[in-house]
């Protein structure tokens, strides 16, 4: 095990020396990888922020539970007990019919309601669920519609369906873009490693004459590709962070026009680690393909 670690540490040192020996080429390769990966990375981060902004502007979706006109205090208490026993329910509030009437009158419908002899509005419960899943909203609405003394269930999830559909479409587009750019970056690393093998052909031949095995020869190239990809991932992370800082003030101003408090958030440590790891994986993959393709003829 110690010998295996020593071989990998030696390969890492060899790859780092190669990267340092050609700083301009290393910088350009890192910029190519970083700028390419910043597009899907920034797009995915933007979708997450837009999702939070949309929820802040539109408010949380709700389910309105309207009771029968003849529902009494015992019926309301029984329904409230059912609500308390519902695990997916986040919160609820009771809106008495008199309170609902006052709210309608305050909204400018006082003249219309003034001609009515009695309050036509029923008592209601307004519910919020723990998750904004459209299927969960529909399932809960079907269950509650069958409860005694429940006259009507109004489902406020149409905008949730549209939001989920739009965000799903956006994430699919970002994943397709990431796949295409990732394939292109594998090709870039493939060519870079091919050039490395060509320039080290004599050194590889001498190493083989001295008894070096193929895994020993391949290992530095693997690390070269992985480290080059990781450097590109760091560039992508920096590019995305700079973009977030540049857009933070305009997005906050836009949210304020809708009466929402919103701050554009950058990638957290998990997202940062995922970007760098993905870039390193692409570099390693390109190096592995190139080594297996060209080292045999070196």
C-alpha atoms as a PDB file:
ATOM      1  CA  UNK A   1       0.000   0.000   0.000  1.00  0.00           C
ATOM      2  CA  UNK A   2       2.828   2.386   0.896  1.00  0.00           C
ATOM      3  CA  UNK A   3       4.588   1.560  -2.363  1.00  0.00           C
ATOM      4  CA  UNK A   4       1.355   2.208  -4.304  1.00  0.00           C
ATOM      5  CA  UNK A   5       0.947   5.614  -2.632  1.00  0.00           C
ATOM      6  CA  UNK A   6       4.596   6.407  -3.335  1.00  0.00           C
ATOM      7  CA  UNK A   7       4.134   5.642  -7.036  1.00  0.00           C
ATOM      8  CA  UNK A   8       1.095   7.923  -7.237  1.00  0.00           C
ATOM      9  CA  UNK A   9       2.845  10.734  -5.347  1.00  0.00           C
ATOM     10  CA  UNK A  10       5.749  10.416  -7.734  1.00  0.00           C
ATOM     11  CA  UNK A  11       3.387  10.524 -10.707  1.00  0.00           C
ATOM     12  CA  UNK A  12       1.676  13.640  -9.281  1.00  0.00           C
ATOM     13  CA  UNK A  13       5.033  15.362  -8.840  1.00  0.00           C
ATOM     14  CA  UNK A  14       6.001  14.458 -12.403  1.00  0.00           C
ATOM     15  CA  UNK A  15       2.684  15.827 -13.741  1.00  0.00           C
ATOM     16  CA  UNK A  16       3.068  19.041 -11.747  1.00  0.00           C
ATOM     17  CA  UNK A  17       6.558  19.550 -13.150  1.00  0.00           C
ATOM     18  CA  UNK A  18       5.178  19.114 -16.653  1.00  0.00           C
ATOM     19  CA  UNK A  19       2.422  21.643 -15.999  1.00  0.00           C
ATOM     20  CA  UNK A  20       4.877  24.147 -14.517  1.00  0.00           C
ATOM     21  CA  UNK A  21       7.319  23.667 -17.371  1.00  0.00           C
ATOM     22  CA  UNK A  22       4.797  25.005 -19.890  1.00  0.00           C
ATOM     23  CA  UNK A  23       2.877  27.742 -18.025  1.00  0.00           C
ATOM     24  CA  UNK A  24       1.338  29.383 -21.103  1.00  0.00           C
ATOM     25  CA  UNK A  25      -0.035  26.113 -22.462  1.00  0.00           C
ATOM     26  CA  UNK A  26      -1.299  25.163 -18.994  1.00  0.00           C
ATOM     27  CA  UNK A  27      -3.000  28.536 -18.577  1.00  0.00           C
ATOM     28  CA  UNK A  28      -4.660  28.414 -21.988  1.00  0.00           C
ATOM     29  CA  UNK A  29      -5.895  24.862 -21.439  1.00  0.00           C
ATOM     30  CA  UNK A  30      -7.295  25.801 -18.023  1.00  0.00           C
ATOM     31  CA  UNK A  31      -9.055  28.814 -19.550  1.00  0.00           C
ATOM     32  CA  UNK A  32     -10.594  26.680 -22.296  1.00  0.00           C
ATOM     33  CA  UNK A  33     -11.864  24.115 -19.812  1.00  0.00           C
ATOM     34  CA  UNK A  34     -12.972  26.733 -17.288  1.00  0.00           C
ATOM     35  CA  UNK A  35     -14.866  28.967 -19.699  1.00  0.00           C
ATOM     36  CA  UNK A  36     -16.601  25.977 -21.269  1.00  0.00           C
ATOM     37  CA  UNK A  37     -17.668  24.524 -17.917  1.00  0.00           C
ATOM     38  CA  UNK A  38     -18.766  27.907 -16.578  1.00  0.00           C
ATOM     39  CA  UNK A  39     -21.649  27.924 -19.086  1.00  0.00           C
ATOM     40  CA  UNK A  40     -23.523  24.855 -17.775  1.00  0.00           C
ATOM     41  CA  UNK A  41     -22.364  25.512 -14.204  1.00  0.00           C
ATOM     42  CA  UNK A  42     -23.620  29.081 -14.276  1.00  0.00           C
ATOM     43  CA  UNK A  43     -26.823  28.013 -16.022  1.00  0.00           C
ATOM     44  CA  UNK A  44     -27.639  25.406 -13.393  1.00  0.00           C
ATOM     45  CA  UNK A  45     -26.881  27.860 -10.593  1.00  0.00           C
ATOM     46  CA  UNK A  46     -29.073  30.463 -12.278  1.00  0.00           C
ATOM     47  CA  UNK A  47     -31.969  28.001 -12.474  1.00  0.00           C
ATOM     48  CA  UNK A  48     -31.750  27.310  -8.749  1.00  0.00           C
ATOM     49  CA  UNK A  49     -31.742  31.023  -8.000  1.00  0.00           C
ATOM     50  CA  UNK A  50     -34.642  31.670 -10.382  1.00  0.00           C
ATOM     51  CA  UNK A  51     -36.603  28.928  -8.646  1.00  0.00           C
ATOM     52  CA  UNK A  52     -36.079  30.626  -5.283  1.00  0.00           C
ATOM     53  CA  UNK A  53     -36.933  34.021  -6.759  1.00  0.00           C
ATOM     54  CA  UNK A  54     -40.143  32.707  -8.318  1.00  0.00           C
ATOM     55  CA  UNK A  55     -41.249  31.220  -5.020  1.00  0.00           C
ATOM     56  CA  UNK A  56     -40.506  34.515  -3.273  1.00  0.00           C
ATOM     57  CA  UNK A  57     -42.452  36.555  -5.818  1.00  0.00           C
ATOM     58  CA  UNK A  58     -45.428  34.249  -6.260  1.00  0.00           C
ATOM     59  CA  UNK A  59     -45.671  33.097  -2.680  1.00  0.00           C
ATOM     60  CA  UNK A  60     -46.110  29.554  -1.492  1.00  0.00           C
ATOM     61  CA  UNK A  61     -48.917  27.572  -3.168  1.00  0.00           C
ATOM     62  CA  UNK A  62     -51.901  26.834  -0.954  1.00  0.00           C
ATOM     63  CA  UNK A  63     -54.957  24.614  -0.700  1.00  0.00           C
ATOM     64  CA  UNK A  64     -58.244  26.260   0.298  1.00  0.00           C
ATOM     65  CA  UNK A  65     -60.705  24.019   2.127  1.00  0.00           C
ATOM     66  CA  UNK A  66     -64.276  25.467   1.999  1.00  0.00           C
ATOM     67  CA  UNK A  67     -66.766  24.037   4.459  1.00  0.00           C
ATOM     68  CA  UNK A  68     -70.499  23.486   4.060  1.00  0.00           C
ATOM     69  CA  UNK A  69     -72.673  26.443   4.996  1.00  0.00           C
ATOM     70  CA  UNK A  70     -74.260  24.441   7.821  1.00  0.00           C
ATOM     71  CA  UNK A  71     -70.912  23.314   9.308  1.00  0.00           C
ATOM     72  CA  UNK A  72     -70.833  23.998  13.056  1.00  0.00           C
ATOM     73  CA  UNK A  73     -68.035  24.327  15.628  1.00  0.00           C
ATOM     74  CA  UNK A  74     -67.924  20.548  16.133  1.00  0.00           C
ATOM     75  CA  UNK A  75     -67.429  20.008  12.407  1.00  0.00           C
ATOM     76  CA  UNK A  76     -64.663  22.609  12.281  1.00  0.00           C
ATOM     77  CA  UNK A  77     -62.949  20.988  15.259  1.00  0.00           C
ATOM     78  CA  UNK A  78     -63.146  17.549  13.624  1.00  0.00           C
ATOM     79  CA  UNK A  79     -61.581  18.863  10.408  1.00  0.00           C
ATOM     80  CA  UNK A  80     -58.866  20.625  12.390  1.00  0.00           C
ATOM     81  CA  UNK A  81     -58.009  17.349  14.124  1.00  0.00           C
ATOM     82  CA  UNK A  82     -57.698  15.687  10.715  1.00  0.00           C
ATOM     83  CA  UNK A  83     -55.381  18.469   9.574  1.00  0.00           C
ATOM     84  CA  UNK A  84     -53.163  18.097  12.633  1.00  0.00           C
ATOM     85  CA  UNK A  85     -52.831  14.388  11.886  1.00  0.00           C
ATOM     86  CA  UNK A  86     -51.784  14.996   8.254  1.00  0.00           C
ATOM     87  CA  UNK A  87     -47.975  14.444   8.038  1.00  0.00           C
ATOM     88  CA  UNK A  88     -47.452  16.333   4.761  1.00  0.00           C
ATOM     89  CA  UNK A  89     -49.160  19.475   6.028  1.00  0.00           C
ATOM     90  CA  UNK A  90     -46.806  22.363   6.761  1.00  0.00           C
ATOM     91  CA  UNK A  91     -49.202  24.895   8.295  1.00  0.00           C
ATOM     92  CA  UNK A  92     -52.827  25.951   8.198  1.00  0.00           C
ATOM     93  CA  UNK A  93     -55.029  28.817   9.293  1.00  0.00           C
ATOM     94  CA  UNK A  94     -58.756  29.120   9.797  1.00  0.00           C
ATOM     95  CA  UNK A  95     -60.597  31.918   7.971  1.00  0.00           C
ATOM     96  CA  UNK A  96     -64.044  32.543   9.426  1.00  0.00           C
ATOM     97  CA  UNK A  97     -66.810  33.581   7.053  1.00  0.00           C
ATOM     98  CA  UNK A  98     -67.160  37.003   8.704  1.00  0.00           C
ATOM     99  CA  UNK A  99     -63.430  37.620   8.332  1.00  0.00           C
ATOM    100  CA  UNK A 100     -63.579  36.600   4.659  1.00  0.00           C
ATOM    101  CA  UNK A 101     -66.453  39.022   4.129  1.00  0.00           C
ATOM    102  CA  UNK A 102     -64.468  41.874   5.679  1.00  0.00           C
ATOM    103  CA  UNK A 103     -61.517  41.085   3.429  1.00  0.00           C
ATOM    104  CA  UNK A 104     -63.739  41.221   0.338  1.00  0.00           C
ATOM    105  CA  UNK A 105     -65.255  44.514   1.449  1.00  0.00           C
ATOM    106  CA  UNK A 106     -61.780  45.959   1.986  1.00  0.00           C
ATOM    107  CA  UNK A 107     -60.788  44.902  -1.526  1.00  0.00           C
ATOM    108  CA  UNK A 108     -63.390  47.228  -3.080  1.00  0.00           C
ATOM    109  CA  UNK A 109     -66.403  44.907  -3.365  1.00  0.00           C
ATOM    110  CA  UNK A 110     -68.312  46.514  -0.516  1.00  0.00           C
ATOM    111  CA  UNK A 111     -70.997  47.973  -2.812  1.00  0.00           C
ATOM    112  CA  UNK A 112     -71.671  44.582  -4.388  1.00  0.00           C
ATOM    113  CA  UNK A 113     -71.806  42.733  -1.083  1.00  0.00           C
ATOM    114  CA  UNK A 114     -73.899  45.431   0.552  1.00  0.00           C
ATOM    115  CA  UNK A 115     -76.946  44.404  -1.475  1.00  0.00           C
ATOM    116  CA  UNK A 116     -76.899  40.853  -0.099  1.00  0.00           C
ATOM    117  CA  UNK A 117     -79.187  39.952   2.783  1.00  0.00           C
ATOM    118  CA  UNK A 118     -76.793  37.384   4.258  1.00  0.00           C
ATOM    119  CA  UNK A 119     -73.122  36.488   4.162  1.00  0.00           C
ATOM    120  CA  UNK A 120     -72.717  34.061   1.225  1.00  0.00           C
ATOM    121  CA  UNK A 121     -69.174  33.049   2.136  1.00  0.00           C
ATOM    122  CA  UNK A 122     -68.388  29.779   3.965  1.00  0.00           C
ATOM    123  CA  UNK A 123     -65.809  29.105   6.635  1.00  0.00           C
ATOM    124  CA  UNK A 124     -62.489  27.925   5.204  1.00  0.00           C
ATOM    125  CA  UNK A 125     -59.101  26.510   6.070  1.00  0.00           C
ATOM    126  CA  UNK A 126     -56.058  27.697   4.099  1.00  0.00           C
ATOM    127  CA  UNK A 127     -53.315  25.057   4.001  1.00  0.00           C
ATOM    128  CA  UNK A 128     -49.633  25.048   3.079  1.00  0.00           C
ATOM    129  CA  UNK A 129     -47.782  21.792   2.431  1.00  0.00           C
ATOM    130  CA  UNK A 130     -44.210  20.930   3.352  1.00  0.00           C
ATOM    131  CA  UNK A 131     -43.192  20.324  -0.278  1.00  0.00           C
ATOM    132  CA  UNK A 132     -44.183  22.087  -3.495  1.00  0.00           C
ATOM    133  CA  UNK A 133     -44.800  18.885  -5.417  1.00  0.00           C
ATOM    134  CA  UNK A 134     -47.793  19.158  -7.820  1.00  0.00           C
ATOM    135  CA  UNK A 135     -48.615  15.453  -7.444  1.00  0.00           C
ATOM    136  CA  UNK A 136     -48.681  15.827  -3.666  1.00  0.00           C
ATOM    137  CA  UNK A 137     -51.074  18.802  -3.968  1.00  0.00           C
ATOM    138  CA  UNK A 138     -53.465  16.847  -6.171  1.00  0.00           C
ATOM    139  CA  UNK A 139     -53.364  13.789  -3.932  1.00  0.00           C
ATOM    140  CA  UNK A 140     -54.044  15.842  -0.817  1.00  0.00           C
ATOM    141  CA  UNK A 141     -56.892  17.701  -2.528  1.00  0.00           C
ATOM    142  CA  UNK A 142     -58.571  14.419  -3.506  1.00  0.00           C
ATOM    143  CA  UNK A 143     -58.319  13.094   0.040  1.00  0.00           C
ATOM    144  CA  UNK A 144     -59.654  16.248   1.668  1.00  0.00           C
ATOM    145  CA  UNK A 145     -62.554  16.575  -0.773  1.00  0.00           C
ATOM    146  CA  UNK A 146     -63.964  13.335   0.675  1.00  0.00           C
ATOM    147  CA  UNK A 147     -63.946  14.615   4.255  1.00  0.00           C
ATOM    148  CA  UNK A 148     -67.327  15.267   5.921  1.00  0.00           C
ATOM    149  CA  UNK A 149     -68.620  18.848   5.768  1.00  0.00           C
ATOM    150  CA  UNK A 150     -66.077  19.839   3.114  1.00  0.00           C
ATOM    151  CA  UNK A 151     -67.960  21.492   0.258  1.00  0.00           C
ATOM    152  CA  UNK A 152     -65.105  22.388  -2.088  1.00  0.00           C
ATOM    153  CA  UNK A 153     -61.319  22.135  -2.305  1.00  0.00           C
ATOM    154  CA  UNK A 154     -59.535  24.792  -4.334  1.00  0.00           C
ATOM    155  CA  UNK A 155     -56.089  23.809  -5.501  1.00  0.00           C
ATOM    156  CA  UNK A 156     -53.535  26.556  -6.044  1.00  0.00           C
ATOM    157  CA  UNK A 157     -50.889  24.510  -7.873  1.00  0.00           C
ATOM    158  CA  UNK A 158     -51.248  25.498 -11.517  1.00  0.00           C
ATOM    159  CA  UNK A 159     -48.334  27.891 -11.292  1.00  0.00           C
ATOM    160  CA  UNK A 160     -46.344  25.201  -9.462  1.00  0.00           C
ATOM    161  CA  UNK A 161     -46.834  22.839 -12.413  1.00  0.00           C
ATOM    162  CA  UNK A 162     -45.726  25.505 -14.870  1.00  0.00           C
ATOM    163  CA  UNK A 163     -42.734  26.408 -12.723  1.00  0.00           C
ATOM    164  CA  UNK A 164     -41.658  22.781 -12.348  1.00  0.00           C
ATOM    165  CA  UNK A 165     -42.097  22.199 -16.083  1.00  0.00           C
ATOM    166  CA  UNK A 166     -40.038  25.274 -17.002  1.00  0.00           C
ATOM    167  CA  UNK A 167     -37.309  24.467 -14.498  1.00  0.00           C
ATOM    168  CA  UNK A 168     -37.236  20.847 -15.654  1.00  0.00           C
ATOM    169  CA  UNK A 169     -36.867  21.987 -19.243  1.00  0.00           C
ATOM    170  CA  UNK A 170     -34.093  24.367 -18.242  1.00  0.00           C
ATOM    171  CA  UNK A 171     -32.218  21.685 -16.303  1.00  0.00           C
ATOM    172  CA  UNK A 172     -32.500  19.280 -19.237  1.00  0.00           C
ATOM    173  CA  UNK A 173     -31.086  21.923 -21.555  1.00  0.00           C
ATOM    174  CA  UNK A 174     -28.232  22.634 -19.129  1.00  0.00           C
ATOM    175  CA  UNK A 175     -27.440  18.914 -18.816  1.00  0.00           C
ATOM    176  CA  UNK A 176     -27.397  18.558 -22.620  1.00  0.00           C
ATOM    177  CA  UNK A 177     -25.063  21.558 -22.858  1.00  0.00           C
ATOM    178  CA  UNK A 178     -22.841  20.089 -20.141  1.00  0.00           C
ATOM    179  CA  UNK A 179     -22.698  16.779 -22.015  1.00  0.00           C
ATOM    180  CA  UNK A 180     -21.746  18.404 -25.315  1.00  0.00           C
ATOM    181  CA  UNK A 181     -19.122  20.657 -23.758  1.00  0.00           C
ATOM    182  CA  UNK A 182     -17.824  17.786 -21.656  1.00  0.00           C
ATOM    183  CA  UNK A 183     -17.343  15.713 -24.789  1.00  0.00           C
ATOM    184  CA  UNK A 184     -15.481  18.623 -26.381  1.00  0.00           C
ATOM    185  CA  UNK A 185     -13.240  18.967 -23.330  1.00  0.00           C
ATOM    186  CA  UNK A 186     -12.416  15.260 -23.431  1.00  0.00           C
ATOM    187  CA  UNK A 187     -11.262  15.788 -27.010  1.00  0.00           C
ATOM    188  CA  UNK A 188      -9.137  18.777 -25.928  1.00  0.00           C
ATOM    189  CA  UNK A 189      -7.455  16.704 -23.211  1.00  0.00           C
ATOM    190  CA  UNK A 190      -7.082  13.804 -25.647  1.00  0.00           C
ATOM    191  CA  UNK A 191      -5.067  15.971 -28.035  1.00  0.00           C
ATOM    192  CA  UNK A 192      -3.029  17.540 -25.226  1.00  0.00           C
ATOM    193  CA  UNK A 193      -1.981  14.126 -23.925  1.00  0.00           C
ATOM    194  CA  UNK A 194      -1.230  12.941 -27.463  1.00  0.00           C
ATOM    195  CA  UNK A 195       1.201  15.829 -27.856  1.00  0.00           C
ATOM    196  CA  UNK A 196       2.750  14.978 -24.494  1.00  0.00           C
ATOM    197  CA  UNK A 197       3.285  11.375 -25.582  1.00  0.00           C
ATOM    198  CA  UNK A 198       4.841  12.473 -28.867  1.00  0.00           C
ATOM    199  CA  UNK A 199       7.259  14.845 -27.142  1.00  0.00           C
ATOM    200  CA  UNK A 200       8.245  12.169 -24.593  1.00  0.00           C
ATOM    201  CA  UNK A 201       8.540   9.303 -27.067  1.00  0.00           C
ATOM    202  CA  UNK A 202      12.264   8.828 -26.540  1.00  0.00           C
ATOM    203  CA  UNK A 203      11.935   9.093 -22.766  1.00  0.00           C
ATOM    204  CA  UNK A 204       9.185   6.460 -22.827  1.00  0.00           C
ATOM    205  CA  UNK A 205      11.327   4.157 -24.963  1.00  0.00           C
ATOM    206  CA  UNK A 206      14.252   4.458 -22.559  1.00  0.00           C
ATOM    207  CA  UNK A 207      11.989   3.792 -19.583  1.00  0.00           C
ATOM    208  CA  UNK A 208      10.751   0.604 -21.216  1.00  0.00           C
ATOM    209  CA  UNK A 209      14.298  -0.531 -21.866  1.00  0.00           C
ATOM    210  CA  UNK A 210      14.991  -0.036 -18.169  1.00  0.00           C
ATOM    211  CA  UNK A 211      12.025  -2.272 -17.299  1.00  0.00           C
ATOM    212  CA  UNK A 212       9.273   0.275 -16.647  1.00  0.00           C
ATOM    213  CA  UNK A 213       5.789  -1.233 -16.867  1.00  0.00           C
ATOM    214  CA  UNK A 214       2.907   0.285 -18.806  1.00  0.00           C
ATOM    215  CA  UNK A 215       1.012   1.311 -15.617  1.00  0.00           C
ATOM    216  CA  UNK A 216       4.159   3.103 -14.406  1.00  0.00           C
ATOM    217  CA  UNK A 217       4.418   4.989 -17.703  1.00  0.00           C
ATOM    218  CA  UNK A 218       0.703   5.780 -17.943  1.00  0.00           C
ATOM    219  CA  UNK A 219       0.250   7.039 -14.394  1.00  0.00           C
ATOM    220  CA  UNK A 220       1.842  10.515 -14.872  1.00  0.00           C
ATOM    221  CA  UNK A 221      -0.281  11.112 -17.979  1.00  0.00           C
ATOM    222  CA  UNK A 222      -3.442  10.256 -16.050  1.00  0.00           C
ATOM    223  CA  UNK A 223      -2.528  12.719 -13.338  1.00  0.00           C
ATOM    224  CA  UNK A 224      -1.531  15.318 -15.912  1.00  0.00           C
ATOM    225  CA  UNK A 225      -4.987  15.158 -17.489  1.00  0.00           C
ATOM    226  CA  UNK A 226      -6.756  15.118 -14.116  1.00  0.00           C
ATOM    227  CA  UNK A 227      -4.784  18.045 -12.711  1.00  0.00           C
ATOM    228  CA  UNK A 228      -5.234  20.035 -15.909  1.00  0.00           C
ATOM    229  CA  UNK A 229      -8.976  19.425 -15.712  1.00  0.00           C
ATOM    230  CA  UNK A 230      -9.042  20.409 -12.023  1.00  0.00           C
ATOM    231  CA  UNK A 231      -7.297  23.693 -12.856  1.00  0.00           C
ATOM    232  CA  UNK A 232      -9.984  24.294 -15.479  1.00  0.00           C
ATOM    233  CA  UNK A 233     -12.625  23.553 -12.838  1.00  0.00           C
ATOM    234  CA  UNK A 234     -11.115  26.191 -10.554  1.00  0.00           C
ATOM    235  CA  UNK A 235     -11.240  28.669 -13.442  1.00  0.00           C
ATOM    236  CA  UNK A 236     -14.909  27.760 -14.029  1.00  0.00           C
ATOM    237  CA  UNK A 237     -15.648  28.215 -10.339  1.00  0.00           C
ATOM    238  CA  UNK A 238     -14.003  31.624 -10.346  1.00  0.00           C
ATOM    239  CA  UNK A 239     -15.866  32.644 -13.501  1.00  0.00           C
ATOM    240  CA  UNK A 240     -19.228  31.637 -12.033  1.00  0.00           C
ATOM    241  CA  UNK A 241     -18.476  33.435  -8.755  1.00  0.00           C
ATOM    242  CA  UNK A 242     -17.537  36.622 -10.611  1.00  0.00           C
ATOM    243  CA  UNK A 243     -20.731  36.368 -12.658  1.00  0.00           C
ATOM    244  CA  UNK A 244     -22.793  36.033  -9.475  1.00  0.00           C
ATOM    245  CA  UNK A 245     -21.146  39.111  -7.997  1.00  0.00           C
ATOM    246  CA  UNK A 246     -21.754  41.089 -11.178  1.00  0.00           C
ATOM    247  CA  UNK A 247     -25.454  40.124 -11.360  1.00  0.00           C
ATOM    248  CA  UNK A 248     -26.215  40.296  -7.643  1.00  0.00           C
ATOM    249  CA  UNK A 249     -27.174  43.975  -7.521  1.00  0.00           C
ATOM    250  CA  UNK A 250     -29.421  43.971 -10.661  1.00  0.00           C
ATOM    251  CA  UNK A 251     -31.241  40.828  -9.532  1.00  0.00           C
ATOM    252  CA  UNK A 252     -31.809  42.251  -6.051  1.00  0.00           C
ATOM    253  CA  UNK A 253     -33.223  45.431  -7.594  1.00  0.00           C
ATOM    254  CA  UNK A 254     -35.546  43.357  -9.802  1.00  0.00           C
ATOM    255  CA  UNK A 255     -36.815  41.381  -6.825  1.00  0.00           C
ATOM    256  CA  UNK A 256     -37.523  44.578  -4.902  1.00  0.00           C
ATOM    257  CA  UNK A 257     -39.844  45.770  -7.689  1.00  0.00           C
ATOM    258  CA  UNK A 258     -42.008  42.704  -6.911  1.00  0.00           C
ATOM    259  CA  UNK A 259     -41.851  43.328  -3.175  1.00  0.00           C
ATOM    260  CA  UNK A 260     -39.567  40.342  -2.568  1.00  0.00           C
ATOM    261  CA  UNK A 261     -36.319  40.213  -0.620  1.00  0.00           C
ATOM    262  CA  UNK A 262     -33.866  38.173  -2.652  1.00  0.00           C
ATOM    263  CA  UNK A 263     -30.083  37.867  -2.772  1.00  0.00           C
ATOM    264  CA  UNK A 264     -28.435  36.002  -5.637  1.00  0.00           C
ATOM    265  CA  UNK A 265     -26.428  33.194  -4.087  1.00  0.00           C
ATOM    266  CA  UNK A 266     -23.254  31.710  -5.486  1.00  0.00           C
ATOM    267  CA  UNK A 267     -22.180  28.063  -5.470  1.00  0.00           C
ATOM    268  CA  UNK A 268     -21.797  26.497  -2.037  1.00  0.00           C
ATOM    269  CA  UNK A 269     -18.931  24.181  -1.161  1.00  0.00           C
ATOM    270  CA  UNK A 270     -20.769  21.119  -2.491  1.00  0.00           C
ATOM    271  CA  UNK A 271     -21.389  22.738  -5.861  1.00  0.00           C
ATOM    272  CA  UNK A 272     -17.809  24.026  -5.970  1.00  0.00           C
ATOM    273  CA  UNK A 273     -16.450  20.570  -5.227  1.00  0.00           C
ATOM    274  CA  UNK A 274     -18.740  19.038  -7.867  1.00  0.00           C
ATOM    275  CA  UNK A 275     -17.529  21.483 -10.550  1.00  0.00           C
ATOM    276  CA  UNK A 276     -13.839  20.837  -9.821  1.00  0.00           C
ATOM    277  CA  UNK A 277     -14.364  17.065  -9.542  1.00  0.00           C
ATOM    278  CA  UNK A 278     -16.332  16.957 -12.808  1.00  0.00           C
ATOM    279  CA  UNK A 279     -13.608  18.892 -14.605  1.00  0.00           C
ATOM    280  CA  UNK A 280     -10.920  16.611 -13.176  1.00  0.00           C
ATOM    281  CA  UNK A 281     -12.925  13.563 -14.271  1.00  0.00           C
ATOM    282  CA  UNK A 282     -13.170  14.910 -17.824  1.00  0.00           C
ATOM    283  CA  UNK A 283      -9.424  15.519 -17.877  1.00  0.00           C
ATOM    284  CA  UNK A 284      -8.696  12.041 -16.568  1.00  0.00           C
ATOM    285  CA  UNK A 285     -11.073  10.472 -19.100  1.00  0.00           C
ATOM    286  CA  UNK A 286      -9.481  12.288 -22.025  1.00  0.00           C
ATOM    287  CA  UNK A 287      -6.039  11.305 -20.777  1.00  0.00           C
ATOM    288  CA  UNK A 288      -7.039   7.655 -20.329  1.00  0.00           C
ATOM    289  CA  UNK A 289      -8.440   7.401 -23.861  1.00  0.00           C
ATOM    290  CA  UNK A 290      -5.421   9.141 -25.375  1.00  0.00           C
ATOM    291  CA  UNK A 291      -2.915   7.046 -23.458  1.00  0.00           C
ATOM    292  CA  UNK A 292      -4.550   3.778 -24.452  1.00  0.00           C
ATOM    293  CA  UNK A 293      -4.730   4.961 -28.055  1.00  0.00           C
ATOM    294  CA  UNK A 294      -1.239   6.388 -28.548  1.00  0.00           C
ATOM    295  CA  UNK A 295       1.070   4.903 -25.941  1.00  0.00           C
ATOM    296  CA  UNK A 296       1.205   1.525 -27.666  1.00  0.00           C
ATOM    297  CA  UNK A 297       2.897   3.074 -30.680  1.00  0.00           C
ATOM    298  CA  UNK A 298       5.245   5.300 -28.658  1.00  0.00           C
END
